[in-house]
């Protein structure tokens, strides 16, 4: 009887580990993902507006930001003060950008 109980506990522990691992992987996002500004929003020039970024999603902390194009070249960092990004690049094909906003950011890349 003790052997069966031990087997069941081990089987449940393995299932719990597999579930925890799969949940962790599903919720993960690659760090320092490159994301490019296209200024495509018709309503704002805010960094948190996903329509201003290629792919339709705003950057996440840790992403590497590239500003390109000639649309909404004066824009606003409206992220919380101290938000960390991997870096900022102005593409060689970009117009003259003014990156505005009252909040500071941290660059780690």
PDB file of N, CA and C in Angstrom:
ATOM      1  N   UNK A   1       0.810  -1.190   0.000  1.00  0.00           N
ATOM      2  CA  UNK A   1       0.000   0.000   0.000  1.00  0.00           C
ATOM      3  C   UNK A   1       0.858   1.261   0.000  1.00  0.00           C
ATOM      4  N   UNK A   2       1.948   1.247   0.750  1.00  0.00           N
ATOM      5  CA  UNK A   2       2.830   2.407   0.816  1.00  0.00           C
ATOM      6  C   UNK A   2       3.466   2.682  -0.539  1.00  0.00           C
ATOM      7  N   UNK A   3       3.777   1.622  -1.296  1.00  0.00           N
ATOM      8  CA  UNK A   3       4.373   1.796  -2.615  1.00  0.00           C
ATOM      9  C   UNK A   3       3.412   2.516  -3.547  1.00  0.00           C
ATOM     10  N   UNK A   4       2.133   2.195  -3.508  1.00  0.00           N
ATOM     11  CA  UNK A   4       1.125   2.829  -4.362  1.00  0.00           C
ATOM     12  C   UNK A   4       0.978   4.299  -4.001  1.00  0.00           C
ATOM     13  N   UNK A   5       0.947   4.606  -2.714  1.00  0.00           N
ATOM     14  CA  UNK A   5       0.812   5.988  -2.255  1.00  0.00           C
ATOM     15  C   UNK A   5       2.006   6.834  -2.713  1.00  0.00           C
ATOM     16  N   UNK A   6       3.207   6.302  -2.611  1.00  0.00           N
ATOM     17  CA  UNK A   6       4.403   6.996  -3.043  1.00  0.00           C
ATOM     18  C   UNK A   6       4.358   7.235  -4.550  1.00  0.00           C
ATOM     19  N   UNK A   7       3.921   6.232  -5.308  1.00  0.00           N
ATOM     20  CA  UNK A   7       3.811   6.349  -6.760  1.00  0.00           C
ATOM     21  C   UNK A   7       2.825   7.462  -7.131  1.00  0.00           C
ATOM     22  N   UNK A   8       1.677   7.518  -6.474  1.00  0.00           N
ATOM     23  CA  UNK A   8       0.666   8.536  -6.761  1.00  0.00           C
ATOM     24  C   UNK A   8       1.212   9.932  -6.433  1.00  0.00           C
ATOM     25  N   UNK A   9       1.881  10.073  -5.298  1.00  0.00           N
ATOM     26  CA  UNK A   9       2.450  11.378  -4.934  1.00  0.00           C
ATOM     27  C   UNK A   9       3.484  11.828  -5.957  1.00  0.00           C
ATOM     28  N   UNK A  10       4.325  10.918  -6.402  1.00  0.00           N
ATOM     29  CA  UNK A  10       5.339  11.272  -7.403  1.00  0.00           C
ATOM     30  C   UNK A  10       4.678  11.666  -8.716  1.00  0.00           C
ATOM     31  N   UNK A  11       3.647  10.932  -9.102  1.00  0.00           N
ATOM     32  CA  UNK A  11       2.954  11.219 -10.354  1.00  0.00           C
ATOM     33  C   UNK A  11       2.298  12.605 -10.279  1.00  0.00           C
ATOM     34  N   UNK A  12       1.680  12.932  -9.140  1.00  0.00           N
ATOM     35  CA  UNK A  12       1.059  14.243  -8.976  1.00  0.00           C
ATOM     36  C   UNK A  12       2.114  15.342  -8.952  1.00  0.00           C
ATOM     37  N   UNK A  13       3.250  15.085  -8.331  1.00  0.00           N
ATOM     38  CA  UNK A  13       4.326  16.076  -8.283  1.00  0.00           C
ATOM     39  C   UNK A  13       4.855  16.364  -9.678  1.00  0.00           C
ATOM     40  N   UNK A  14       5.010  15.332 -10.481  1.00  0.00           N
ATOM     41  CA  UNK A  14       5.486  15.512 -11.858  1.00  0.00           C
ATOM     42  C   UNK A  14       4.462  16.310 -12.655  1.00  0.00           C
ATOM     43  N   UNK A  15       3.173  16.012 -12.508  1.00  0.00           N
ATOM     44  CA  UNK A  15       2.135  16.770 -13.206  1.00  0.00           C
ATOM     45  C   UNK A  15       2.159  18.237 -12.782  1.00  0.00           C
ATOM     46  N   UNK A  16       2.349  18.495 -11.494  1.00  0.00           N
ATOM     47  CA  UNK A  16       2.396  19.870 -10.998  1.00  0.00           C
ATOM     48  C   UNK A  16       3.591  20.612 -11.585  1.00  0.00           C
ATOM     49  N   UNK A  17       4.744  19.945 -11.670  1.00  0.00           N
ATOM     50  CA  UNK A  17       5.926  20.569 -12.256  1.00  0.00           C
ATOM     51  C   UNK A  17       5.719  20.883 -13.732  1.00  0.00           C
ATOM     52  N   UNK A  18       5.125  19.956 -14.471  1.00  0.00           N
ATOM     53  CA  UNK A  18       4.865  20.167 -15.893  1.00  0.00           C
ATOM     54  C   UNK A  18       3.904  21.327 -16.077  1.00  0.00           C
ATOM     55  N   UNK A  19       2.854  21.396 -15.265  1.00  0.00           N
ATOM     56  CA  UNK A  19       1.888  22.481 -15.359  1.00  0.00           C
ATOM     57  C   UNK A  19       2.554  23.814 -15.035  1.00  0.00           C
ATOM     58  N   UNK A  20       3.333  23.865 -13.975  1.00  0.00           N
ATOM     59  CA  UNK A  20       4.008  25.105 -13.594  1.00  0.00           C
ATOM     60  C   UNK A  20       4.965  25.560 -14.689  1.00  0.00           C
ATOM     61  N   UNK A  21       5.698  24.633 -15.269  1.00  0.00           N
ATOM     62  CA  UNK A  21       6.635  24.979 -16.336  1.00  0.00           C
ATOM     63  C   UNK A  21       5.905  25.494 -17.561  1.00  0.00           C
ATOM     64  N   UNK A  22       4.800  24.874 -17.927  1.00  0.00           N
ATOM     65  CA  UNK A  22       4.069  25.315 -19.111  1.00  0.00           C
ATOM     66  C   UNK A  22       3.425  26.677 -18.883  1.00  0.00           C
ATOM     67  N   UNK A  23       2.943  26.946 -17.688  1.00  0.00           N
ATOM     68  CA  UNK A  23       2.377  28.259 -17.391  1.00  0.00           C
ATOM     69  C   UNK A  23       3.462  29.323 -17.431  1.00  0.00           C
ATOM     70  N   UNK A  24       4.620  29.011 -16.925  1.00  0.00           N
ATOM     71  CA  UNK A  24       5.725  29.959 -16.945  1.00  0.00           C
ATOM     72  C   UNK A  24       6.168  30.280 -18.352  1.00  0.00           C
ATOM     73  N   UNK A  25       6.264  29.291 -19.210  1.00  0.00           N
ATOM     74  CA  UNK A  25       6.672  29.506 -20.597  1.00  0.00           C
ATOM     75  C   UNK A  25       5.605  30.284 -21.349  1.00  0.00           C
ATOM     76  N   UNK A  26       4.348  29.981 -21.115  1.00  0.00           N
ATOM     77  CA  UNK A  26       3.269  30.670 -21.825  1.00  0.00           C
ATOM     78  C   UNK A  26       3.230  32.143 -21.466  1.00  0.00           C
ATOM     79  N   UNK A  27       3.590  32.493 -20.244  1.00  0.00           N
ATOM     80  CA  UNK A  27       3.538  33.882 -19.821  1.00  0.00           C
ATOM     81  C   UNK A  27       4.806  34.668 -20.100  1.00  0.00           C
ATOM     82  N   UNK A  28       5.832  34.001 -20.615  1.00  0.00           N
ATOM     83  CA  UNK A  28       7.101  34.667 -20.842  1.00  0.00           C
ATOM     84  C   UNK A  28       7.103  35.394 -22.177  1.00  0.00           C
ATOM     85  N   UNK A  29       7.858  36.487 -22.220  1.00  0.00           N
ATOM     86  CA  UNK A  29       8.060  37.239 -23.438  1.00  0.00           C
ATOM     87  C   UNK A  29       9.553  37.441 -23.573  1.00  0.00           C
ATOM     88  N   UNK A  30      10.047  37.312 -24.770  1.00  0.00           N
ATOM     89  CA  UNK A  30      11.486  37.488 -24.961  1.00  0.00           C
ATOM     90  C   UNK A  30      11.897  38.872 -24.484  1.00  0.00           C
ATOM     91  N   UNK A  31      12.973  38.925 -23.735  1.00  0.00           N
ATOM     92  CA  UNK A  31      13.435  40.218 -23.256  1.00  0.00           C
ATOM     93  C   UNK A  31      14.149  40.956 -24.378  1.00  0.00           C
ATOM     94  N   UNK A  32      14.161  42.272 -24.248  1.00  0.00           N
ATOM     95  CA  UNK A  32      14.826  43.143 -25.214  1.00  0.00           C
ATOM     96  C   UNK A  32      14.343  42.903 -26.637  1.00  0.00           C
ATOM     97  N   UNK A  33      13.050  42.763 -26.793  1.00  0.00           N
ATOM     98  CA  UNK A  33      12.491  42.627 -28.128  1.00  0.00           C
ATOM     99  C   UNK A  33      12.614  43.954 -28.853  1.00  0.00           C
ATOM    100  N   UNK A  34      13.053  43.921 -30.109  1.00  0.00           N
ATOM    101  CA  UNK A  34      13.096  45.172 -30.863  1.00  0.00           C
ATOM    102  C   UNK A  34      11.684  45.582 -31.277  1.00  0.00           C
ATOM    103  N   UNK A  35      11.375  46.855 -31.162  1.00  0.00           N
ATOM    104  CA  UNK A  35      10.067  47.362 -31.549  1.00  0.00           C
ATOM    105  C   UNK A  35      10.285  48.701 -32.249  1.00  0.00           C
ATOM    106  N   UNK A  36       9.546  48.922 -33.343  1.00  0.00           N
ATOM    107  CA  UNK A  36       9.779  50.097 -34.176  1.00  0.00           C
ATOM    108  C   UNK A  36       8.570  51.012 -34.225  1.00  0.00           C
ATOM    109  N   UNK A  37       8.814  52.294 -33.979  1.00  0.00           N
ATOM    110  CA  UNK A  37       7.806  53.351 -34.051  1.00  0.00           C
ATOM    111  C   UNK A  37       7.477  53.622 -35.512  1.00  0.00           C
ATOM    112  N   UNK A  38       6.169  53.701 -35.816  1.00  0.00           N
ATOM    113  CA  UNK A  38       5.757  54.121 -37.148  1.00  0.00           C
ATOM    114  C   UNK A  38       4.812  55.319 -37.106  1.00  0.00           C
ATOM    115  N   UNK A  39       4.432  55.756 -35.888  1.00  0.00           N
ATOM    116  CA  UNK A  39       3.576  56.921 -35.738  1.00  0.00           C
ATOM    117  C   UNK A  39       2.204  56.765 -36.341  1.00  0.00           C
ATOM    118  N   UNK A  40       1.710  55.537 -36.407  1.00  0.00           N
ATOM    119  CA  UNK A  40       0.473  55.238 -37.123  1.00  0.00           C
ATOM    120  C   UNK A  40      -0.830  55.589 -36.439  1.00  0.00           C
ATOM    121  N   UNK A  41      -0.798  55.998 -35.182  1.00  0.00           N
ATOM    122  CA  UNK A  41      -2.041  56.328 -34.482  1.00  0.00           C
ATOM    123  C   UNK A  41      -2.601  57.642 -35.004  1.00  0.00           C
ATOM    124  N   UNK A  42      -3.888  57.666 -35.217  1.00  0.00           N
ATOM    125  CA  UNK A  42      -4.544  58.899 -35.632  1.00  0.00           C
ATOM    126  C   UNK A  42      -5.013  59.728 -34.453  1.00  0.00           C
ATOM    127  N   UNK A  43      -4.832  59.218 -33.230  1.00  0.00           N
ATOM    128  CA  UNK A  43      -5.373  59.908 -32.058  1.00  0.00           C
ATOM    129  C   UNK A  43      -4.324  60.385 -31.062  1.00  0.00           C
ATOM    130  N   UNK A  44      -3.112  59.847 -31.096  1.00  0.00           N
ATOM    131  CA  UNK A  44      -2.104  60.288 -30.125  1.00  0.00           C
ATOM    132  C   UNK A  44      -0.705  60.033 -30.667  1.00  0.00           C
ATOM    133  N   UNK A  45       0.236  60.707 -30.035  1.00  0.00           N
ATOM    134  CA  UNK A  45       1.655  60.473 -30.325  1.00  0.00           C
ATOM    135  C   UNK A  45       2.327  59.880 -29.092  1.00  0.00           C
ATOM    136  N   UNK A  46       1.553  59.179 -28.274  1.00  0.00           N
ATOM    137  CA  UNK A  46       2.054  58.590 -27.030  1.00  0.00           C
ATOM    138  C   UNK A  46       2.741  57.256 -27.283  1.00  0.00           C
ATOM    139  N   UNK A  47       3.792  57.016 -26.522  1.00  0.00           N
ATOM    140  CA  UNK A  47       4.513  55.751 -26.641  1.00  0.00           C
ATOM    141  C   UNK A  47       3.662  54.557 -26.237  1.00  0.00           C
ATOM    142  N   UNK A  48       2.706  54.735 -25.329  1.00  0.00           N
ATOM    143  CA  UNK A  48       1.881  53.613 -24.883  1.00  0.00           C
ATOM    144  C   UNK A  48       0.751  53.280 -25.844  1.00  0.00           C
ATOM    145  N   UNK A  49       0.584  54.054 -26.894  1.00  0.00           N
ATOM    146  CA  UNK A  49      -0.451  53.781 -27.908  1.00  0.00           C
ATOM    147  C   UNK A  49       0.107  52.764 -28.892  1.00  0.00           C
ATOM    148  N   UNK A  50      -0.401  51.544 -28.833  1.00  0.00           N
ATOM    149  CA  UNK A  50       0.101  50.472 -29.685  1.00  0.00           C
ATOM    150  C   UNK A  50       0.022  50.776 -31.172  1.00  0.00           C
ATOM    151  N   UNK A  51      -0.926  51.619 -31.581  1.00  0.00           N
ATOM    152  CA  UNK A  51      -1.065  51.950 -32.999  1.00  0.00           C
ATOM    153  C   UNK A  51       0.118  52.738 -33.542  1.00  0.00           C
ATOM    154  N   UNK A  52       0.964  53.245 -32.676  1.00  0.00           N
ATOM    155  CA  UNK A  52       2.149  53.979 -33.111  1.00  0.00           C
ATOM    156  C   UNK A  52       3.350  53.074 -33.361  1.00  0.00           C
ATOM    157  N   UNK A  53       3.185  51.792 -33.150  1.00  0.00           N
ATOM    158  CA  UNK A  53       4.296  50.854 -33.254  1.00  0.00           C
ATOM    159  C   UNK A  53       3.984  49.775 -34.282  1.00  0.00           C
ATOM    160  N   UNK A  54       4.994  49.357 -35.029  1.00  0.00           N
ATOM    161  CA  UNK A  54       4.835  48.263 -35.992  1.00  0.00           C
ATOM    162  C   UNK A  54       4.341  47.036 -35.228  1.00  0.00           C
ATOM    163  N   UNK A  55       3.302  46.407 -35.706  1.00  0.00           N
ATOM    164  CA  UNK A  55       2.720  45.239 -35.053  1.00  0.00           C
ATOM    165  C   UNK A  55       1.530  45.584 -34.173  1.00  0.00           C
ATOM    166  N   UNK A  56       1.319  46.882 -33.895  1.00  0.00           N
ATOM    167  CA  UNK A  56       0.133  47.301 -33.156  1.00  0.00           C
ATOM    168  C   UNK A  56       0.187  47.130 -31.653  1.00  0.00           C
ATOM    169  N   UNK A  57       1.365  46.846 -31.103  1.00  0.00           N
ATOM    170  CA  UNK A  57       1.500  46.688 -29.658  1.00  0.00           C
ATOM    171  C   UNK A  57       2.531  47.670 -29.133  1.00  0.00           C
ATOM    172  N   UNK A  58       2.250  48.307 -27.991  1.00  0.00           N
ATOM    173  CA  UNK A  58       3.230  49.230 -27.434  1.00  0.00           C
ATOM    174  C   UNK A  58       4.427  48.467 -26.888  1.00  0.00           C
ATOM    175  N   UNK A  59       5.544  49.157 -26.698  1.00  0.00           N
ATOM    176  CA  UNK A  59       6.704  48.484 -26.112  1.00  0.00           C
ATOM    177  C   UNK A  59       6.435  48.068 -24.678  1.00  0.00           C
ATOM    178  N   UNK A  60       7.201  47.102 -24.240  1.00  0.00           N
ATOM    179  CA  UNK A  60       7.163  46.634 -22.860  1.00  0.00           C
ATOM    180  C   UNK A  60       8.504  46.978 -22.222  1.00  0.00           C
ATOM    181  N   UNK A  61       8.534  47.154 -20.914  1.00  0.00           N
ATOM    182  CA  UNK A  61       9.821  47.391 -20.267  1.00  0.00           C
ATOM    183  C   UNK A  61      10.836  46.330 -20.688  1.00  0.00           C
ATOM    184  N   UNK A  62      12.033  46.782 -20.980  1.00  0.00           N
ATOM    185  CA  UNK A  62      13.095  45.877 -21.416  1.00  0.00           C
ATOM    186  C   UNK A  62      13.250  45.812 -22.924  1.00  0.00           C
ATOM    187  N   UNK A  63      12.278  46.334 -23.676  1.00  0.00           N
ATOM    188  CA  UNK A  63      12.367  46.304 -25.143  1.00  0.00           C
ATOM    189  C   UNK A  63      13.408  47.299 -25.643  1.00  0.00           C
ATOM    190  N   UNK A  64      13.851  47.083 -26.860  1.00  0.00           N
ATOM    191  CA  UNK A  64      14.764  47.983 -27.545  1.00  0.00           C
ATOM    192  C   UNK A  64      13.941  48.794 -28.542  1.00  0.00           C
ATOM    193  N   UNK A  65      13.927  50.123 -28.406  1.00  0.00           N
ATOM    194  CA  UNK A  65      13.061  50.982 -29.205  1.00  0.00           C
ATOM    195  C   UNK A  65      13.802  51.575 -30.391  1.00  0.00           C
ATOM    196  N   UNK A  66      13.158  51.499 -31.568  1.00  0.00           N
ATOM    197  CA  UNK A  66      13.697  52.141 -32.761  1.00  0.00           C
ATOM    198  C   UNK A  66      12.648  53.113 -33.274  1.00  0.00           C
ATOM    199  N   UNK A  67      13.069  54.320 -33.573  1.00  0.00           N
ATOM    200  CA  UNK A  67      12.175  55.325 -34.139  1.00  0.00           C
ATOM    201  C   UNK A  67      12.527  55.494 -35.603  1.00  0.00           C
ATOM    202  N   UNK A  68      11.500  55.345 -36.458  1.00  0.00           N
ATOM    203  CA  UNK A  68      11.714  55.390 -37.898  1.00  0.00           C
ATOM    204  C   UNK A  68      10.559  56.143 -38.545  1.00  0.00           C
ATOM    205  N   UNK A  69      10.780  56.567 -39.764  1.00  0.00           N
ATOM    206  CA  UNK A  69       9.731  57.222 -40.533  1.00  0.00           C
ATOM    207  C   UNK A  69       9.710  58.722 -40.334  1.00  0.00           C
ATOM    208  N   UNK A  70       8.639  59.329 -40.855  1.00  0.00           N
ATOM    209  CA  UNK A  70       8.492  60.781 -40.784  1.00  0.00           C
ATOM    210  C   UNK A  70       7.113  61.171 -40.251  1.00  0.00           C
ATOM    211  N   UNK A  71       6.430  60.231 -39.620  1.00  0.00           N
ATOM    212  CA  UNK A  71       5.098  60.486 -39.070  1.00  0.00           C
ATOM    213  C   UNK A  71       5.188  60.591 -37.552  1.00  0.00           C
ATOM    214  N   UNK A  72       4.577  61.629 -37.011  1.00  0.00           N
ATOM    215  CA  UNK A  72       4.575  61.889 -35.571  1.00  0.00           C
ATOM    216  C   UNK A  72       5.989  61.833 -34.993  1.00  0.00           C
ATOM    217  N   UNK A  73       6.840  62.643 -35.584  1.00  0.00           N
ATOM    218  CA  UNK A  73       8.233  62.669 -35.130  1.00  0.00           C
ATOM    219  C   UNK A  73       8.403  63.427 -33.810  1.00  0.00           C
ATOM    220  N   UNK A  74       7.394  64.175 -33.403  1.00  0.00           N
ATOM    221  CA  UNK A  74       7.364  64.749 -32.058  1.00  0.00           C
ATOM    222  C   UNK A  74       6.384  63.906 -31.268  1.00  0.00           C
ATOM    223  N   UNK A  75       6.886  63.160 -30.320  1.00  0.00           N
ATOM    224  CA  UNK A  75       6.045  62.202 -29.606  1.00  0.00           C
ATOM    225  C   UNK A  75       6.326  62.247 -28.114  1.00  0.00           C
ATOM    226  N   UNK A  76       5.519  61.507 -27.354  1.00  0.00           N
ATOM    227  CA  UNK A  76       5.550  61.624 -25.896  1.00  0.00           C
ATOM    228  C   UNK A  76       5.765  60.286 -25.210  1.00  0.00           C
ATOM    229  N   UNK A  77       6.824  60.225 -24.419  1.00  0.00           N
ATOM    230  CA  UNK A  77       7.032  59.081 -23.525  1.00  0.00           C
ATOM    231  C   UNK A  77       6.051  59.256 -22.367  1.00  0.00           C
ATOM    232  N   UNK A  78       4.992  58.454 -22.367  1.00  0.00           N
ATOM    233  CA  UNK A  78       4.010  58.538 -21.282  1.00  0.00           C
ATOM    234  C   UNK A  78       4.061  57.301 -20.384  1.00  0.00           C
ATOM    235  N   UNK A  79       5.189  56.601 -20.398  1.00  0.00           N
ATOM    236  CA  UNK A  79       5.396  55.493 -19.473  1.00  0.00           C
ATOM    237  C   UNK A  79       5.684  56.044 -18.080  1.00  0.00           C
ATOM    238  N   UNK A  80       5.524  55.207 -17.083  1.00  0.00           N
ATOM    239  CA  UNK A  80       5.832  55.600 -15.706  1.00  0.00           C
ATOM    240  C   UNK A  80       7.303  55.991 -15.596  1.00  0.00           C
ATOM    241  N   UNK A  81       7.582  56.955 -14.738  1.00  0.00           N
ATOM    242  CA  UNK A  81       8.958  57.388 -14.517  1.00  0.00           C
ATOM    243  C   UNK A  81       9.822  56.192 -14.126  1.00  0.00           C
ATOM    244  N   UNK A  82      11.015  56.142 -14.708  1.00  0.00           N
ATOM    245  CA  UNK A  82      11.958  55.080 -14.387  1.00  0.00           C
ATOM    246  C   UNK A  82      11.771  53.791 -15.163  1.00  0.00           C
ATOM    247  N   UNK A  83      10.845  53.769 -16.141  1.00  0.00           N
ATOM    248  CA  UNK A  83      10.669  52.563 -16.954  1.00  0.00           C
ATOM    249  C   UNK A  83      11.985  52.240 -17.653  1.00  0.00           C
ATOM    250  N   UNK A  84      12.346  50.973 -17.664  1.00  0.00           N
ATOM    251  CA  UNK A  84      13.605  50.523 -18.238  1.00  0.00           C
ATOM    252  C   UNK A  84      13.413  50.016 -19.670  1.00  0.00           C
ATOM    253  N   UNK A  85      14.241  50.517 -20.577  1.00  0.00           N
ATOM    254  CA  UNK A  85      14.288  50.004 -21.942  1.00  0.00           C
ATOM    255  C   UNK A  85      15.724  49.611 -22.258  1.00  0.00           C
ATOM    256  N   UNK A  86      15.880  48.661 -23.178  1.00  0.00           N
ATOM    257  CA  UNK A  86      17.215  48.171 -23.514  1.00  0.00           C
ATOM    258  C   UNK A  86      18.019  49.203 -24.300  1.00  0.00           C
ATOM    259  N   UNK A  87      17.346  50.092 -24.996  1.00  0.00           N
ATOM    260  CA  UNK A  87      18.046  51.107 -25.767  1.00  0.00           C
ATOM    261  C   UNK A  87      17.096  51.847 -26.676  1.00  0.00           C
ATOM    262  N   UNK A  88      17.572  52.953 -27.224  1.00  0.00           N
ATOM    263  CA  UNK A  88      16.811  53.748 -28.190  1.00  0.00           C
ATOM    264  C   UNK A  88      17.708  53.991 -29.388  1.00  0.00           C
ATOM    265  N   UNK A  89      17.148  53.741 -30.581  1.00  0.00           N
ATOM    266  CA  UNK A  89      17.860  53.969 -31.830  1.00  0.00           C
ATOM    267  C   UNK A  89      16.992  54.839 -32.727  1.00  0.00           C
ATOM    268  N   UNK A  90      17.599  55.819 -33.370  1.00  0.00           N
ATOM    269  CA  UNK A  90      16.917  56.585 -34.409  1.00  0.00           C
ATOM    270  C   UNK A  90      17.446  56.020 -35.729  1.00  0.00           C
ATOM    271  N   UNK A  91      16.541  55.439 -36.521  1.00  0.00           N
ATOM    272  CA  UNK A  91      16.941  54.790 -37.772  1.00  0.00           C
ATOM    273  C   UNK A  91      17.538  55.812 -38.742  1.00  0.00           C
ATOM    274  N   UNK A  92      18.433  55.354 -39.580  1.00  0.00           N
ATOM    275  CA  UNK A  92      19.074  56.249 -40.554  1.00  0.00           C
ATOM    276  C   UNK A  92      18.067  56.787 -41.570  1.00  0.00           C
ATOM    277  N   UNK A  93      16.929  56.115 -41.722  1.00  0.00           N
ATOM    278  CA  UNK A  93      15.895  56.550 -42.664  1.00  0.00           C
ATOM    279  C   UNK A  93      14.847  57.439 -42.013  1.00  0.00           C
ATOM    280  N   UNK A  94      15.008  57.738 -40.720  1.00  0.00           N
ATOM    281  CA  UNK A  94      14.020  58.510 -39.972  1.00  0.00           C
ATOM    282  C   UNK A  94      14.162  60.005 -40.204  1.00  0.00           C
ATOM    283  N   UNK A  95      13.042  60.703 -40.014  1.00  0.00           N
ATOM    284  CA  UNK A  95      13.068  62.157 -39.994  1.00  0.00           C
ATOM    285  C   UNK A  95      13.710  62.624 -38.698  1.00  0.00           C
ATOM    286  N   UNK A  96      13.659  63.934 -38.464  1.00  0.00           N
ATOM    287  CA  UNK A  96      14.200  64.508 -37.231  1.00  0.00           C
ATOM    288  C   UNK A  96      13.194  64.288 -36.105  1.00  0.00           C
ATOM    289  N   UNK A  97      13.540  63.488 -35.124  1.00  0.00           N
ATOM    290  CA  UNK A  97      12.640  63.157 -34.020  1.00  0.00           C
ATOM    291  C   UNK A  97      12.888  64.043 -32.811  1.00  0.00           C
ATOM    292  N   UNK A  98      11.794  64.356 -32.108  1.00  0.00           N
ATOM    293  CA  UNK A  98      11.833  64.970 -30.791  1.00  0.00           C
ATOM    294  C   UNK A  98      11.124  64.023 -29.853  1.00  0.00           C
ATOM    295  N   UNK A  99      11.871  63.418 -28.948  1.00  0.00           N
ATOM    296  CA  UNK A  99      11.302  62.479 -27.989  1.00  0.00           C
ATOM    297  C   UNK A  99      10.982  63.261 -26.725  1.00  0.00           C
ATOM    298  N   UNK A 100       9.699  63.469 -26.475  1.00  0.00           N
ATOM    299  CA  UNK A 100       9.271  64.292 -25.357  1.00  0.00           C
ATOM    300  C   UNK A 100       8.691  63.473 -24.232  1.00  0.00           C
ATOM    301  N   UNK A 101       8.225  64.181 -23.229  1.00  0.00           N
ATOM    302  CA  UNK A 101       7.610  63.546 -22.073  1.00  0.00           C
ATOM    303  C   UNK A 101       8.240  64.047 -20.798  1.00  0.00           C
ATOM    304  N   UNK A 102       7.461  64.054 -19.747  1.00  0.00           N
ATOM    305  CA  UNK A 102       7.926  64.571 -18.466  1.00  0.00           C
ATOM    306  C   UNK A 102       8.635  63.515 -17.628  1.00  0.00           C
ATOM    307  N   UNK A 103       8.465  62.241 -17.978  1.00  0.00           N
ATOM    308  CA  UNK A 103       9.021  61.167 -17.168  1.00  0.00           C
ATOM    309  C   UNK A 103      10.377  60.700 -17.713  1.00  0.00           C
ATOM    310  N   UNK A 104      11.268  60.392 -16.805  1.00  0.00           N
ATOM    311  CA  UNK A 104      12.566  59.852 -17.203  1.00  0.00           C
ATOM    312  C   UNK A 104      12.422  58.357 -17.495  1.00  0.00           C
ATOM    313  N   UNK A 105      13.350  57.840 -18.285  1.00  0.00           N
ATOM    314  CA  UNK A 105      13.436  56.408 -18.538  1.00  0.00           C
ATOM    315  C   UNK A 105      14.852  55.967 -18.203  1.00  0.00           C
ATOM    316  N   UNK A 106      15.040  54.678 -18.041  1.00  0.00           N
ATOM    317  CA  UNK A 106      16.357  54.099 -17.825  1.00  0.00           C
ATOM    318  C   UNK A 106      16.722  53.275 -19.053  1.00  0.00           C
ATOM    319  N   UNK A 107      17.943  53.388 -19.513  1.00  0.00           N
ATOM    320  CA  UNK A 107      18.427  52.597 -20.637  1.00  0.00           C
ATOM    321  C   UNK A 107      19.481  51.637 -20.131  1.00  0.00           C
ATOM    322  N   UNK A 108      19.297  50.364 -20.472  1.00  0.00           N
ATOM    323  CA  UNK A 108      20.209  49.343 -19.943  1.00  0.00           C
ATOM    324  C   UNK A 108      20.964  48.586 -21.021  1.00  0.00           C
ATOM    325  N   UNK A 109      20.852  48.996 -22.255  1.00  0.00           N
ATOM    326  CA  UNK A 109      21.475  48.209 -23.314  1.00  0.00           C
ATOM    327  C   UNK A 109      22.558  48.844 -24.029  1.00  0.00           C
TER     328      UNK A 109
END
